Amino acid sequence: MPTETEVLAHMMDRTREYTLFYFDKLKDQDLHRRFVCDGKELNSAFWVMAHLATSENGLLLMATGGPFQKFSWAKHFTVGSSGLSAAECPAFDEVYATMTQVHERVMAHLPTLGAEALERPNPSGIPAIGKTVRDVITHAIRHEGSHIGHLGWLCKLHGVRTM
């Protein structure tokens, strides 16, 4: 029988598969393109990718005591940030490799957490997430899922068929 953290890791991994499905659909598009809808500028697919690397690193590694890594561009892709201009962004290959590496570390780390680790207080400083490390992990899964929806809309705006 799988442990709770093995199930949570499985859910995160399956969620990432869906994220990668949409990034694959967008691969031939201008990932830096920002659409304006009803007068509001939307984040680009590149921003979403960099944001997911940053947030998974913070929520599923740093907040759970895992092998957190620092990367110079992370601060430009956190909550409330608008990213960088396309000319100032790190290379796509660097961001994609970082996103992949962070996810691999998460998949190795999460299943090692015991039940007592899940009950520890939420160290993120974001009360809306919940009170425990378990809440941080479940939030990370739903957070990525919400950005999958954004990627789906970006596919539509780019004219890319998904289903």
C-alpha atoms as a PDB file:
ATOM      1  CA  MET A   1       0.000   0.000   0.000  1.00  0.00           C
ATOM      2  CA  PRO A   2       1.486   3.410  -0.957  1.00  0.00           C
ATOM      3  CA  THR A   3       2.197   5.965   1.737  1.00  0.00           C
ATOM      4  CA  GLU A   4       0.421   9.311   1.753  1.00  0.00           C
ATOM      5  CA  THR A   5       3.520  11.084   0.469  1.00  0.00           C
ATOM      6  CA  GLU A   6       3.898   8.539  -2.338  1.00  0.00           C
ATOM      7  CA  VAL A   7       0.312   9.291  -3.388  1.00  0.00           C
ATOM      8  CA  LEU A   8       0.929  13.054  -3.184  1.00  0.00           C
ATOM      9  CA  ALA A   9       4.107  12.677  -5.252  1.00  0.00           C
ATOM     10  CA  HIS A  10       2.184  10.612  -7.805  1.00  0.00           C
ATOM     11  CA  MET A  11      -0.489  13.314  -8.062  1.00  0.00           C
ATOM     12  CA  MET A  12       2.155  16.003  -8.547  1.00  0.00           C
ATOM     13  CA  ASP A  13       3.887  13.944 -11.203  1.00  0.00           C
ATOM     14  CA  ARG A  14       0.622  13.314 -13.088  1.00  0.00           C
ATOM     15  CA  THR A  15      -0.194  17.027 -12.862  1.00  0.00           C
ATOM     16  CA  ARG A  16       3.223  17.844 -14.347  1.00  0.00           C
ATOM     17  CA  GLU A  17       2.533  15.429 -17.213  1.00  0.00           C
ATOM     18  CA  TYR A  18      -0.488  17.529 -18.135  1.00  0.00           C
ATOM     19  CA  THR A  19       1.568  20.729 -17.901  1.00  0.00           C
ATOM     20  CA  LEU A  20       4.122  19.229 -20.289  1.00  0.00           C
ATOM     21  CA  PHE A  21       1.324  18.215 -22.686  1.00  0.00           C
ATOM     22  CA  TYR A  22       0.406  21.892 -23.071  1.00  0.00           C
ATOM     23  CA  PHE A  23       4.011  23.075 -23.325  1.00  0.00           C
ATOM     24  CA  ASP A  24       4.506  20.526 -26.094  1.00  0.00           C
ATOM     25  CA  LYS A  25       1.500  21.994 -27.908  1.00  0.00           C
ATOM     26  CA  LEU A  26       2.994  25.482 -27.573  1.00  0.00           C
ATOM     27  CA  LYS A  27       6.570  24.586 -28.567  1.00  0.00           C
ATOM     28  CA  ASP A  28       6.362  26.172 -32.032  1.00  0.00           C
ATOM     29  CA  GLN A  29       4.769  29.389 -30.778  1.00  0.00           C
ATOM     30  CA  ASP A  30       6.315  32.599 -29.480  1.00  0.00           C
ATOM     31  CA  LEU A  31       6.444  31.658 -25.807  1.00  0.00           C
ATOM     32  CA  HIS A  32       7.113  35.282 -24.844  1.00  0.00           C
ATOM     33  CA  ARG A  33       3.954  36.573 -26.506  1.00  0.00           C
ATOM     34  CA  ARG A  34       1.609  38.314 -24.089  1.00  0.00           C
ATOM     35  CA  PHE A  35      -2.022  38.549 -25.075  1.00  0.00           C
ATOM     36  CA  VAL A  36      -4.303  41.331 -23.924  1.00  0.00           C
ATOM     37  CA  CYS A  37      -7.837  40.290 -23.023  1.00  0.00           C
ATOM     38  CA  ASP A  38     -10.407  42.889 -22.072  1.00  0.00           C
ATOM     39  CA  GLY A  39      -7.602  45.378 -21.514  1.00  0.00           C
ATOM     40  CA  LYS A  40      -5.639  43.089 -19.182  1.00  0.00           C
ATOM     41  CA  GLU A  41      -2.247  41.691 -20.162  1.00  0.00           C
ATOM     42  CA  LEU A  42      -1.927  37.948 -19.577  1.00  0.00           C
ATOM     43  CA  ASN A  43       1.269  36.190 -18.578  1.00  0.00           C
ATOM     44  CA  SER A  44       3.178  34.521 -21.384  1.00  0.00           C
ATOM     45  CA  ALA A  45       3.751  30.768 -21.632  1.00  0.00           C
ATOM     46  CA  PHE A  46       7.416  31.468 -20.844  1.00  0.00           C
ATOM     47  CA  TRP A  47       6.375  33.261 -17.635  1.00  0.00           C
ATOM     48  CA  VAL A  48       4.220  30.279 -16.644  1.00  0.00           C
ATOM     49  CA  MET A  49       7.132  27.885 -17.205  1.00  0.00           C
ATOM     50  CA  ALA A  50       9.564  29.982 -15.152  1.00  0.00           C
ATOM     51  CA  HIS A  51       6.901  30.508 -12.488  1.00  0.00           C
ATOM     52  CA  LEU A  52       6.221  26.774 -12.173  1.00  0.00           C
ATOM     53  CA  ALA A  53       9.939  26.064 -11.773  1.00  0.00           C
ATOM     54  CA  THR A  54      10.154  28.750  -9.096  1.00  0.00           C
ATOM     55  CA  SER A  55       7.006  27.762  -7.227  1.00  0.00           C
ATOM     56  CA  GLU A  56       7.689  24.016  -7.240  1.00  0.00           C
ATOM     57  CA  ASN A  57      11.178  24.755  -5.931  1.00  0.00           C
ATOM     58  CA  GLY A  58       9.793  26.909  -3.122  1.00  0.00           C
ATOM     59  CA  LEU A  59       6.685  24.933  -2.210  1.00  0.00           C
ATOM     60  CA  LEU A  60       7.839  21.353  -2.666  1.00  0.00           C
ATOM     61  CA  LEU A  61      11.518  21.608  -1.853  1.00  0.00           C
ATOM     62  CA  MET A  62      12.218  24.582   0.391  1.00  0.00           C
ATOM     63  CA  ALA A  63       8.959  24.351   2.386  1.00  0.00           C
ATOM     64  CA  THR A  64       9.320  20.596   2.878  1.00  0.00           C
ATOM     65  CA  GLY A  65      13.010  20.606   3.830  1.00  0.00           C
ATOM     66  CA  GLY A  66      14.162  19.248   0.480  1.00  0.00           C
ATOM     67  CA  PRO A  67      17.172  20.073  -1.717  1.00  0.00           C
ATOM     68  CA  PHE A  68      16.109  23.611  -2.623  1.00  0.00           C
ATOM     69  CA  GLN A  69      18.193  25.326  -5.282  1.00  0.00           C
ATOM     70  CA  LYS A  70      18.692  28.999  -6.049  1.00  0.00           C
ATOM     71  CA  PHE A  71      18.554  30.424  -9.545  1.00  0.00           C
ATOM     72  CA  SER A  72      19.148  34.077 -10.370  1.00  0.00           C
ATOM     73  CA  TRP A  73      15.959  34.672 -12.326  1.00  0.00           C
ATOM     74  CA  ALA A  74      13.491  33.161  -9.814  1.00  0.00           C
ATOM     75  CA  LYS A  75      12.580  36.502  -8.188  1.00  0.00           C
ATOM     76  CA  HIS A  76      11.183  37.734 -11.507  1.00  0.00           C
ATOM     77  CA  PHE A  77       8.649  34.882 -11.736  1.00  0.00           C
ATOM     78  CA  THR A  78       7.088  34.693  -8.282  1.00  0.00           C
ATOM     79  CA  VAL A  79       3.589  35.654  -7.135  1.00  0.00           C
ATOM     80  CA  GLY A  80       2.704  39.135  -8.338  1.00  0.00           C
ATOM     81  CA  SER A  81       5.730  39.529 -10.587  1.00  0.00           C
ATOM     82  CA  SER A  82       5.407  40.337 -14.257  1.00  0.00           C
ATOM     83  CA  GLY A  83       8.601  38.611 -15.356  1.00  0.00           C
ATOM     84  CA  LEU A  84      11.202  40.138 -17.628  1.00  0.00           C
ATOM     85  CA  SER A  85      11.157  41.373 -21.197  1.00  0.00           C
ATOM     86  CA  ALA A  86      11.940  38.648 -23.732  1.00  0.00           C
ATOM     87  CA  ALA A  87      15.411  40.153 -24.252  1.00  0.00           C
ATOM     88  CA  GLU A  88      16.173  39.988 -20.498  1.00  0.00           C
ATOM     89  CA  CYS A  89      14.818  36.482 -19.881  1.00  0.00           C
ATOM     90  CA  PRO A  90      17.113  33.561 -19.332  1.00  0.00           C
ATOM     91  CA  ALA A  91      17.334  31.163 -22.260  1.00  0.00           C
ATOM     92  CA  PHE A  92      14.384  28.852 -22.790  1.00  0.00           C
ATOM     93  CA  ASP A  93      16.652  25.786 -22.510  1.00  0.00           C
ATOM     94  CA  GLU A  94      17.916  26.971 -19.109  1.00  0.00           C
ATOM     95  CA  VAL A  95      14.413  27.516 -17.736  1.00  0.00           C
ATOM     96  CA  TYR A  96      13.130  24.225 -19.128  1.00  0.00           C
ATOM     97  CA  ALA A  97      16.138  22.349 -17.724  1.00  0.00           C
ATOM     98  CA  THR A  98      15.651  24.018 -14.329  1.00  0.00           C
ATOM     99  CA  MET A  99      11.945  23.166 -14.307  1.00  0.00           C
ATOM    100  CA  THR A 100      12.811  19.543 -15.149  1.00  0.00           C
ATOM    101  CA  GLN A 101      15.600  19.326 -12.577  1.00  0.00           C
ATOM    102  CA  VAL A 102      13.452  20.812  -9.804  1.00  0.00           C
ATOM    103  CA  HIS A 103      10.666  18.353 -10.596  1.00  0.00           C
ATOM    104  CA  GLU A 104      13.076  15.402 -10.536  1.00  0.00           C
ATOM    105  CA  ARG A 105      14.326  16.517  -7.109  1.00  0.00           C
ATOM    106  CA  VAL A 106      10.746  16.860  -5.887  1.00  0.00           C
ATOM    107  CA  MET A 107       9.876  13.360  -7.105  1.00  0.00           C
ATOM    108  CA  ALA A 108      12.877  11.932  -5.268  1.00  0.00           C
ATOM    109  CA  HIS A 109      12.248  13.954  -2.091  1.00  0.00           C
ATOM    110  CA  LEU A 110       8.478  13.890  -1.478  1.00  0.00           C
ATOM    111  CA  PRO A 111       8.105  10.116  -1.036  1.00  0.00           C
ATOM    112  CA  THR A 112      10.780  10.196   1.685  1.00  0.00           C
ATOM    113  CA  LEU A 113       8.661  12.394   3.954  1.00  0.00           C
ATOM    114  CA  GLY A 114       7.016  10.602   6.839  1.00  0.00           C
ATOM    115  CA  ALA A 115       3.605  11.275   8.334  1.00  0.00           C
ATOM    116  CA  GLU A 116       5.150  13.458  11.052  1.00  0.00           C
ATOM    117  CA  ALA A 117       6.726  15.727   8.425  1.00  0.00           C
ATOM    118  CA  LEU A 118       3.288  16.356   6.897  1.00  0.00           C
ATOM    119  CA  GLU A 119       1.987  17.594  10.242  1.00  0.00           C
ATOM    120  CA  ARG A 120       4.738  20.199  10.707  1.00  0.00           C
ATOM    121  CA  PRO A 121       3.653  23.850  10.488  1.00  0.00           C
ATOM    122  CA  ASN A 122       3.490  25.509   7.067  1.00  0.00           C
ATOM    123  CA  PRO A 123       6.810  27.375   6.731  1.00  0.00           C
ATOM    124  CA  SER A 124       5.819  29.263   3.557  1.00  0.00           C
ATOM    125  CA  GLY A 125       4.475  32.347   5.304  1.00  0.00           C
ATOM    126  CA  ILE A 126       1.344  32.224   3.119  1.00  0.00           C
ATOM    127  CA  PRO A 127      -1.627  31.635   5.449  1.00  0.00           C
ATOM    128  CA  ALA A 128      -4.117  31.000   2.612  1.00  0.00           C
ATOM    129  CA  ILE A 129      -2.264  27.765   1.756  1.00  0.00           C
ATOM    130  CA  GLY A 130      -3.117  26.130   5.069  1.00  0.00           C
ATOM    131  CA  LYS A 131      -1.483  25.311   8.370  1.00  0.00           C
ATOM    132  CA  THR A 132       0.657  22.243   7.634  1.00  0.00           C
ATOM    133  CA  VAL A 133       3.313  20.958   5.256  1.00  0.00           C
ATOM    134  CA  ARG A 134       0.599  18.633   3.909  1.00  0.00           C
ATOM    135  CA  ASP A 135      -1.396  21.752   3.003  1.00  0.00           C
ATOM    136  CA  VAL A 136       1.633  23.196   1.214  1.00  0.00           C
ATOM    137  CA  ILE A 137       1.992  20.034  -0.877  1.00  0.00           C
ATOM    138  CA  THR A 138      -1.696  19.865  -1.803  1.00  0.00           C
ATOM    139  CA  HIS A 139      -1.620  23.565  -2.631  1.00  0.00           C
ATOM    140  CA  ALA A 140       1.354  23.039  -4.963  1.00  0.00           C
ATOM    141  CA  ILE A 141      -0.627  20.395  -6.854  1.00  0.00           C
ATOM    142  CA  ARG A 142      -3.705  22.597  -7.241  1.00  0.00           C
ATOM    143  CA  HIS A 143      -1.503  25.622  -8.025  1.00  0.00           C
ATOM    144  CA  GLU A 144       0.093  23.858 -10.963  1.00  0.00           C
ATOM    145  CA  GLY A 145      -3.340  22.679 -12.075  1.00  0.00           C
ATOM    146  CA  SER A 146      -4.577  26.252 -12.185  1.00  0.00           C
ATOM    147  CA  HIS A 147      -1.677  27.197 -14.446  1.00  0.00           C
ATOM    148  CA  ILE A 148      -2.521  24.259 -16.711  1.00  0.00           C
ATOM    149  CA  GLY A 149      -5.803  26.072 -17.317  1.00  0.00           C
ATOM    150  CA  HIS A 150      -3.856  29.196 -18.247  1.00  0.00           C
ATOM    151  CA  LEU A 151      -1.771  27.173 -20.700  1.00  0.00           C
ATOM    152  CA  GLY A 152      -4.962  25.810 -22.236  1.00  0.00           C
ATOM    153  CA  TRP A 153      -6.237  29.340 -22.818  1.00  0.00           C
ATOM    154  CA  LEU A 154      -2.863  30.357 -24.243  1.00  0.00           C
ATOM    155  CA  CYS A 155      -3.115  27.450 -26.701  1.00  0.00           C
ATOM    156  CA  LYS A 156      -6.510  28.755 -27.816  1.00  0.00           C
ATOM    157  CA  LEU A 157      -5.205  32.303 -28.156  1.00  0.00           C
ATOM    158  CA  HIS A 158      -2.259  31.038 -30.226  1.00  0.00           C
ATOM    159  CA  GLY A 159      -4.692  29.039 -32.387  1.00  0.00           C
ATOM    160  CA  VAL A 160      -3.287  25.700 -31.239  1.00  0.00           C
ATOM    161  CA  ARG A 161      -5.700  22.780 -31.111  1.00  0.00           C
ATOM    162  CA  THR A 162      -5.377  20.717 -27.925  1.00  0.00           C
ATOM    163  CA  MET A 163      -8.089  18.073 -28.159  1.00  0.00           C
END
